N, C-alpha and C. Protein backbone atom coordinates (compact mmCIF):
# COMPACT_ATOMS: atom_id res chain seq x y z
N MET A 1 9.45 12.24 9.34
CA MET A 1 8.73 11.51 8.33
C MET A 1 8.53 12.38 7.09
N ALA A 2 8.48 13.68 7.25
CA ALA A 2 8.22 14.54 6.10
C ALA A 2 9.30 14.41 5.04
N ASN A 3 10.53 14.14 5.43
CA ASN A 3 11.63 14.04 4.47
C ASN A 3 12.07 12.61 4.22
N GLY A 4 11.43 11.64 4.86
CA GLY A 4 11.85 10.25 4.72
C GLY A 4 11.49 9.68 3.36
N ALA A 5 12.24 8.68 2.94
CA ALA A 5 12.01 8.05 1.64
C ALA A 5 11.13 6.82 1.76
N ILE A 6 11.08 6.20 2.94
CA ILE A 6 10.31 4.96 3.10
C ILE A 6 9.24 5.18 4.16
N LEU A 7 8.05 4.75 3.85
CA LEU A 7 6.93 4.83 4.77
C LEU A 7 6.34 3.44 4.88
N ARG A 8 6.17 2.95 6.08
CA ARG A 8 5.57 1.64 6.29
C ARG A 8 4.24 1.81 7.01
N ILE A 9 3.22 1.18 6.47
CA ILE A 9 1.92 1.15 7.13
C ILE A 9 1.86 -0.21 7.81
N ALA A 10 1.86 -0.22 9.13
CA ALA A 10 1.99 -1.47 9.85
C ALA A 10 0.76 -1.84 10.68
N ARG A 11 -0.16 -0.91 10.90
CA ARG A 11 -1.32 -1.20 11.74
C ARG A 11 -2.60 -0.71 11.07
N ASP A 12 -3.69 -1.43 11.33
CA ASP A 12 -4.98 -0.98 10.83
C ASP A 12 -5.57 0.03 11.81
N PRO A 13 -6.75 0.59 11.51
CA PRO A 13 -7.32 1.61 12.41
C PRO A 13 -7.61 1.10 13.82
N TRP A 14 -7.67 -0.20 14.01
CA TRP A 14 -7.95 -0.79 15.31
C TRP A 14 -6.69 -1.22 16.04
N GLY A 15 -5.52 -0.94 15.46
CA GLY A 15 -4.25 -1.25 16.10
C GLY A 15 -3.69 -2.62 15.80
N ARG A 16 -4.37 -3.41 14.98
CA ARG A 16 -3.86 -4.74 14.64
C ARG A 16 -2.74 -4.62 13.62
N LEU A 17 -1.75 -5.49 13.73
CA LEU A 17 -0.63 -5.47 12.80
C LEU A 17 -1.07 -5.88 11.40
N LEU A 18 -0.55 -5.20 10.40
CA LEU A 18 -0.80 -5.52 9.00
C LEU A 18 0.51 -5.95 8.36
N PRO A 19 0.45 -6.71 7.27
CA PRO A 19 1.68 -6.90 6.51
C PRO A 19 2.13 -5.51 6.05
N SER A 20 3.38 -5.21 6.18
CA SER A 20 3.86 -3.87 5.88
C SER A 20 3.62 -3.50 4.42
N VAL A 21 3.21 -2.29 4.22
CA VAL A 21 3.09 -1.70 2.90
C VAL A 21 4.20 -0.68 2.81
N VAL A 22 5.07 -0.82 1.85
CA VAL A 22 6.22 0.08 1.74
C VAL A 22 5.96 1.07 0.63
N LEU A 23 6.02 2.33 0.97
CA LEU A 23 5.86 3.39 0.00
C LEU A 23 7.24 4.03 -0.16
N VAL A 24 7.77 4.06 -1.35
CA VAL A 24 9.15 4.51 -1.53
C VAL A 24 9.25 5.56 -2.63
N ASP A 25 10.34 6.32 -2.57
CA ASP A 25 10.65 7.27 -3.65
C ASP A 25 11.14 6.50 -4.86
N ALA A 26 11.45 7.23 -5.92
CA ALA A 26 11.93 6.61 -7.16
C ALA A 26 13.11 5.69 -6.88
N GLY A 27 13.23 4.64 -7.64
CA GLY A 27 14.30 3.68 -7.44
C GLY A 27 13.81 2.39 -6.82
N ALA A 28 12.49 2.20 -6.76
CA ALA A 28 11.94 0.98 -6.20
C ALA A 28 12.36 -0.21 -7.04
N GLN A 29 12.45 -1.34 -6.37
CA GLN A 29 12.85 -2.56 -7.06
C GLN A 29 11.81 -3.64 -6.87
N GLY A 30 11.83 -4.62 -7.74
CA GLY A 30 10.94 -5.77 -7.60
C GLY A 30 9.49 -5.36 -7.65
N ASN A 31 8.72 -5.82 -6.67
CA ASN A 31 7.29 -5.57 -6.64
C ASN A 31 6.92 -4.34 -5.83
N ASP A 32 7.92 -3.53 -5.41
CA ASP A 32 7.61 -2.31 -4.67
C ASP A 32 6.74 -1.41 -5.54
N GLU A 33 5.78 -0.77 -4.92
CA GLU A 33 4.95 0.19 -5.64
C GLU A 33 5.41 1.58 -5.26
N VAL A 34 5.66 2.40 -6.23
CA VAL A 34 6.12 3.76 -5.98
C VAL A 34 4.90 4.64 -5.72
N ILE A 35 4.89 5.28 -4.57
CA ILE A 35 3.83 6.21 -4.20
C ILE A 35 4.52 7.54 -3.93
N HIS A 36 4.14 8.56 -4.65
CA HIS A 36 4.77 9.87 -4.50
C HIS A 36 4.11 10.66 -3.37
N ARG A 37 4.82 11.66 -2.87
CA ARG A 37 4.31 12.45 -1.75
C ARG A 37 2.95 13.08 -2.07
N TRP A 38 2.76 13.53 -3.32
CA TRP A 38 1.48 14.14 -3.65
C TRP A 38 0.36 13.12 -3.56
N GLN A 39 0.67 11.84 -3.83
CA GLN A 39 -0.35 10.80 -3.73
C GLN A 39 -0.68 10.52 -2.26
N ILE A 40 0.34 10.55 -1.41
CA ILE A 40 0.10 10.36 0.02
C ILE A 40 -0.77 11.51 0.53
N ARG A 41 -0.44 12.74 0.13
CA ARG A 41 -1.24 13.90 0.55
C ARG A 41 -2.68 13.75 0.07
N LYS A 42 -2.88 13.27 -1.14
CA LYS A 42 -4.23 13.09 -1.68
C LYS A 42 -4.98 12.03 -0.86
N MET A 43 -4.29 10.95 -0.47
CA MET A 43 -4.93 9.92 0.37
C MET A 43 -5.28 10.49 1.74
N MET A 44 -4.42 11.37 2.27
CA MET A 44 -4.71 12.01 3.55
C MET A 44 -5.94 12.91 3.41
N ASP A 45 -5.95 13.74 2.36
CA ASP A 45 -7.06 14.67 2.14
C ASP A 45 -8.38 13.93 1.88
N SER A 46 -8.30 12.74 1.29
CA SER A 46 -9.50 11.95 0.98
C SER A 46 -9.98 11.12 2.16
N GLY A 47 -9.22 11.13 3.25
CA GLY A 47 -9.63 10.37 4.42
C GLY A 47 -9.28 8.90 4.35
N LEU A 48 -8.33 8.53 3.49
CA LEU A 48 -7.92 7.13 3.38
C LEU A 48 -6.75 6.80 4.31
N LEU A 49 -5.95 7.80 4.64
CA LEU A 49 -4.84 7.65 5.57
C LEU A 49 -4.96 8.72 6.65
N GLN A 50 -4.42 8.42 7.83
CA GLN A 50 -4.36 9.40 8.90
C GLN A 50 -3.03 9.23 9.63
N TYR A 51 -2.62 10.26 10.36
CA TYR A 51 -1.40 10.15 11.16
C TYR A 51 -1.66 9.21 12.33
N ASP A 52 -0.61 8.52 12.80
CA ASP A 52 -0.79 7.67 13.98
C ASP A 52 -0.76 8.50 15.25
N GLY A 53 -0.28 9.72 15.18
CA GLY A 53 -0.31 10.67 16.29
C GLY A 53 -1.25 11.81 15.93
N SER A 54 -1.29 12.80 16.77
CA SER A 54 -2.21 13.91 16.51
C SER A 54 -1.74 14.83 15.39
N THR A 55 -0.42 14.90 15.17
CA THR A 55 0.13 15.76 14.12
C THR A 55 1.24 15.02 13.39
N ALA A 56 1.68 15.59 12.28
CA ALA A 56 2.77 14.98 11.52
C ALA A 56 4.03 14.89 12.36
N GLU A 57 4.28 15.91 13.19
CA GLU A 57 5.49 15.92 14.01
C GLU A 57 5.46 14.85 15.09
N ASN A 58 4.28 14.47 15.55
CA ASN A 58 4.14 13.46 16.61
C ASN A 58 3.94 12.06 16.05
N SER A 59 3.98 11.90 14.75
CA SER A 59 3.68 10.62 14.11
C SER A 59 4.94 9.95 13.59
N SER A 60 4.94 8.64 13.66
CA SER A 60 6.04 7.87 13.08
C SER A 60 5.59 7.10 11.85
N MET A 61 4.29 7.06 11.61
CA MET A 61 3.76 6.36 10.44
C MET A 61 2.36 6.85 10.16
N TYR A 62 1.84 6.47 9.00
CA TYR A 62 0.45 6.71 8.66
C TYR A 62 -0.33 5.44 8.97
N VAL A 63 -1.60 5.61 9.27
CA VAL A 63 -2.49 4.49 9.54
C VAL A 63 -3.66 4.59 8.57
N PRO A 64 -4.02 3.50 7.90
CA PRO A 64 -5.19 3.58 7.01
C PRO A 64 -6.46 3.73 7.83
N THR A 65 -7.39 4.51 7.33
CA THR A 65 -8.70 4.61 7.96
C THR A 65 -9.50 3.37 7.56
N CYS A 66 -10.69 3.23 8.09
CA CYS A 66 -11.54 2.10 7.70
C CYS A 66 -11.77 2.10 6.20
N ALA A 67 -12.05 3.28 5.63
CA ALA A 67 -12.27 3.37 4.19
C ALA A 67 -11.00 3.03 3.42
N GLY A 68 -9.86 3.52 3.90
CA GLY A 68 -8.59 3.23 3.24
C GLY A 68 -8.26 1.75 3.26
N LEU A 69 -8.55 1.09 4.37
CA LEU A 69 -8.30 -0.34 4.48
C LEU A 69 -9.20 -1.12 3.53
N ALA A 70 -10.47 -0.73 3.43
CA ALA A 70 -11.40 -1.41 2.52
C ALA A 70 -10.96 -1.23 1.07
N ILE A 71 -10.56 -0.03 0.71
CA ILE A 71 -10.10 0.21 -0.67
C ILE A 71 -8.82 -0.55 -0.95
N GLY A 72 -7.91 -0.59 0.02
CA GLY A 72 -6.66 -1.35 -0.16
C GLY A 72 -6.93 -2.83 -0.35
N ASN A 73 -7.86 -3.38 0.42
CA ASN A 73 -8.19 -4.80 0.27
C ASN A 73 -8.82 -5.07 -1.09
N ALA A 74 -9.70 -4.19 -1.55
CA ALA A 74 -10.31 -4.35 -2.87
C ALA A 74 -9.26 -4.26 -3.96
N TRP A 75 -8.31 -3.34 -3.83
CA TRP A 75 -7.23 -3.19 -4.81
C TRP A 75 -6.39 -4.46 -4.87
N ASN A 76 -6.05 -5.01 -3.71
CA ASN A 76 -5.24 -6.23 -3.69
C ASN A 76 -5.97 -7.41 -4.32
N ARG A 77 -7.29 -7.51 -4.07
CA ARG A 77 -8.06 -8.59 -4.70
C ARG A 77 -8.10 -8.42 -6.21
N ALA A 78 -8.27 -7.18 -6.68
CA ALA A 78 -8.30 -6.93 -8.13
C ALA A 78 -6.96 -7.26 -8.76
N LYS A 79 -5.86 -6.92 -8.10
CA LYS A 79 -4.53 -7.24 -8.64
C LYS A 79 -4.33 -8.75 -8.70
N ALA A 80 -4.80 -9.47 -7.68
CA ALA A 80 -4.65 -10.93 -7.66
C ALA A 80 -5.47 -11.56 -8.79
N ARG A 81 -6.70 -11.05 -9.02
CA ARG A 81 -7.53 -11.58 -10.11
C ARG A 81 -6.87 -11.31 -11.46
N ALA A 82 -6.31 -10.12 -11.63
CA ALA A 82 -5.65 -9.78 -12.89
C ALA A 82 -4.43 -10.66 -13.12
N ALA A 83 -3.68 -10.92 -12.07
CA ALA A 83 -2.50 -11.79 -12.20
C ALA A 83 -2.92 -13.21 -12.54
N ALA A 84 -3.99 -13.70 -11.91
CA ALA A 84 -4.47 -15.05 -12.20
C ALA A 84 -4.99 -15.14 -13.63
N ALA A 85 -5.68 -14.11 -14.09
CA ALA A 85 -6.20 -14.10 -15.46
C ALA A 85 -5.05 -14.06 -16.45
N GLY A 86 -4.01 -13.32 -16.15
CA GLY A 86 -2.84 -13.25 -17.03
C GLY A 86 -2.13 -14.58 -17.10
N ALA A 87 -2.02 -15.28 -15.98
CA ALA A 87 -1.36 -16.59 -15.97
C ALA A 87 -2.18 -17.61 -16.73
N ALA A 88 -3.50 -17.55 -16.61
CA ALA A 88 -4.36 -18.49 -17.32
C ALA A 88 -4.31 -18.23 -18.82
N ALA A 89 -4.25 -16.96 -19.21
CA ALA A 89 -4.21 -16.62 -20.64
C ALA A 89 -2.88 -17.03 -21.27
N ALA A 90 -1.84 -17.06 -20.48
CA ALA A 90 -0.52 -17.41 -21.00
C ALA A 90 -0.42 -18.91 -21.29
N GLY A 91 -1.29 -19.70 -20.70
CA GLY A 91 -1.27 -21.14 -20.93
C GLY A 91 -0.26 -21.84 -20.05
N PRO A 92 -0.13 -23.15 -20.25
CA PRO A 92 0.78 -23.92 -19.40
C PRO A 92 2.24 -23.54 -19.65
N VAL A 93 3.02 -23.69 -18.63
CA VAL A 93 4.46 -23.42 -18.73
C VAL A 93 5.11 -24.58 -19.45
N PRO A 94 5.92 -24.33 -20.47
CA PRO A 94 6.58 -25.43 -21.19
C PRO A 94 7.39 -26.31 -20.24
N GLY A 95 7.23 -27.60 -20.40
CA GLY A 95 7.96 -28.55 -19.55
C GLY A 95 7.31 -28.81 -18.21
N SER A 96 6.09 -28.27 -17.99
CA SER A 96 5.44 -28.47 -16.70
C SER A 96 4.52 -29.69 -16.69
N ASP A 97 4.43 -30.41 -17.80
CA ASP A 97 3.52 -31.56 -17.86
C ASP A 97 4.18 -32.79 -17.45
């Protein structure tokens, strides 16, 4: 995982499946969000992510902590509100009436 380009967060701290979050190196396409290794390390140091095993070598993915999951949910809600506000400000789509 230390040298991998794609990281998927698939489970919450209680083991329930989550919609995958893909963290990728440069070259992301579409709606992928680019998260750099230093950002992952910062999230680990801040207690927002943890290894799914006891060490990096024993882990196949990162798991969000309770705090990380709460912050992620708040971030997603804020992005959805911003997108809705942007769509409302743009007005109706021509030809949609």
